[in-house]
Protein backbone atom coordinates (compact mmCIF):
# COMPACT_ATOMS: atom_id res chain seq x y z
CA MET A 1 142.96 47.56 94.42
CA ARG A 2 144.76 45.15 92.14
CA LEU A 3 146.87 42.31 93.48
CA PRO A 4 150.51 42.30 92.36
CA GLY A 5 150.99 40.24 89.25
CA CYS A 6 147.26 40.12 88.47
CA ARG A 7 145.94 41.51 85.25
CA MET A 8 142.33 42.30 84.60
CA ALA A 9 140.89 39.99 82.00
CA LYS A 10 139.87 41.62 78.76
CA ILE A 11 136.24 42.70 78.83
CA GLU A 12 134.49 40.58 76.23
CA LEU A 13 130.85 40.87 75.34
CA PRO A 14 128.74 38.34 73.45
CA LYS A 15 128.42 39.18 69.75
CA PRO A 16 124.70 40.06 69.94
CA VAL A 17 125.44 42.51 72.77
CA ARG A 18 128.39 44.03 70.89
CA ASP A 19 126.28 44.40 67.76
CA THR A 20 123.46 46.05 69.70
CA LEU A 21 125.87 48.44 71.42
CA ALA A 22 127.61 49.26 68.13
CA ASP A 23 124.21 50.04 66.57
CA ALA A 24 123.30 52.22 69.56
CA LEU A 25 126.63 54.03 69.28
CA SER A 26 126.05 54.58 65.56
CA GLY A 27 122.61 55.99 66.26
CA TYR A 28 123.90 58.28 68.98
CA LEU A 29 126.70 59.64 66.81
CA LYS A 30 124.27 60.23 63.95
CA ASP A 31 121.56 61.87 66.07
CA GLU A 32 123.74 63.94 68.37
CA LEU A 33 126.82 64.73 66.30
CA GLU A 34 125.64 64.13 62.74
CA LEU A 35 128.47 61.63 62.23
CA GLU A 36 128.09 58.54 60.08
CA VAL A 37 129.91 55.72 61.84
CA LYS A 38 128.60 52.29 60.89
CA GLY A 39 129.54 48.66 60.62
CA PHE A 40 133.17 47.80 61.26
CA ASP A 41 134.01 51.40 62.21
CA ALA A 42 131.31 51.42 64.89
CA VAL A 43 132.51 48.08 66.26
CA PHE A 44 136.13 49.31 66.21
CA LEU A 45 135.12 52.47 68.12
CA LEU A 46 133.08 50.40 70.58
CA ASP A 47 136.08 48.11 71.17
CA TRP A 48 138.23 51.18 71.88
CA ILE A 49 135.66 52.55 74.33
CA ILE A 50 135.42 49.19 76.09
CA GLU A 51 139.21 48.86 76.27
CA THR A 52 139.88 52.37 77.55
CA MET A 53 136.78 53.17 79.61
CA GLY A 54 135.49 49.71 80.45
CA PRO A 55 137.98 49.00 83.24
CA HIS A 56 137.04 52.26 85.00
CA LEU A 57 133.35 51.42 84.81
CA TYR A 58 134.00 47.82 85.86
CA ASN A 59 136.09 48.96 88.84
CA GLN A 60 133.38 51.40 89.89
CA GLY A 61 130.88 48.55 89.75
CA LEU A 62 133.15 46.50 92.01
CA THR A 63 133.51 49.43 94.42
CA ASP A 64 129.72 49.81 94.52
CA ALA A 65 129.29 46.07 95.11
CA GLN A 66 131.87 46.13 97.92
CA ALA A 67 130.02 48.99 99.61
CA LEU A 68 126.76 47.05 99.38
CA VAL A 69 128.34 43.90 100.82
CA ARG A 70 129.89 45.93 103.67
CA LYS A 71 126.49 47.48 104.45
CA LYS A 72 124.78 44.08 104.42
CA ALA A 73 127.53 42.63 106.63
CA ASP A 74 127.05 45.50 109.09
CA ASP A 75 123.30 44.80 109.06
CA PHE A 76 123.97 41.13 109.88
CA VAL A 77 126.33 42.04 112.71
CA GLU A 78 123.73 44.40 114.14
CA ALA A 79 120.94 41.81 113.82
CA ILE A 80 123.07 39.20 115.58
CA ALA A 81 123.96 41.66 118.34
CA GLN A 82 120.25 42.28 118.93
CA LEU A 83 119.79 38.55 119.59
CA GLU A 84 122.07 38.68 122.61
CA LYS A 85 120.41 38.03 125.96
CA PRO A 86 121.31 39.88 129.13
CA VAL A 87 123.65 37.95 131.37
CA ARG A 88 123.24 37.95 135.16
CA PHE A 89 125.76 36.74 137.68
């Protein structure tokens, strides 16, 4: 869920990571589709993939993280409840 008026920041990767991913993309396209996409073209394609698909992947990561935090919070609540002592009047 996005708050009104909030925009997701552009996904930016460090240059060494971008270069490595662009090289991997080039290799994949060559091996699997016999397409030659190198250099600037590979980086341009990678930027497009990041811009169009990145937010979906990022949001899924956030959803997964939220589920994990909820599970851990439930575990804490349960652990605390087990610490309760019986009360007698």
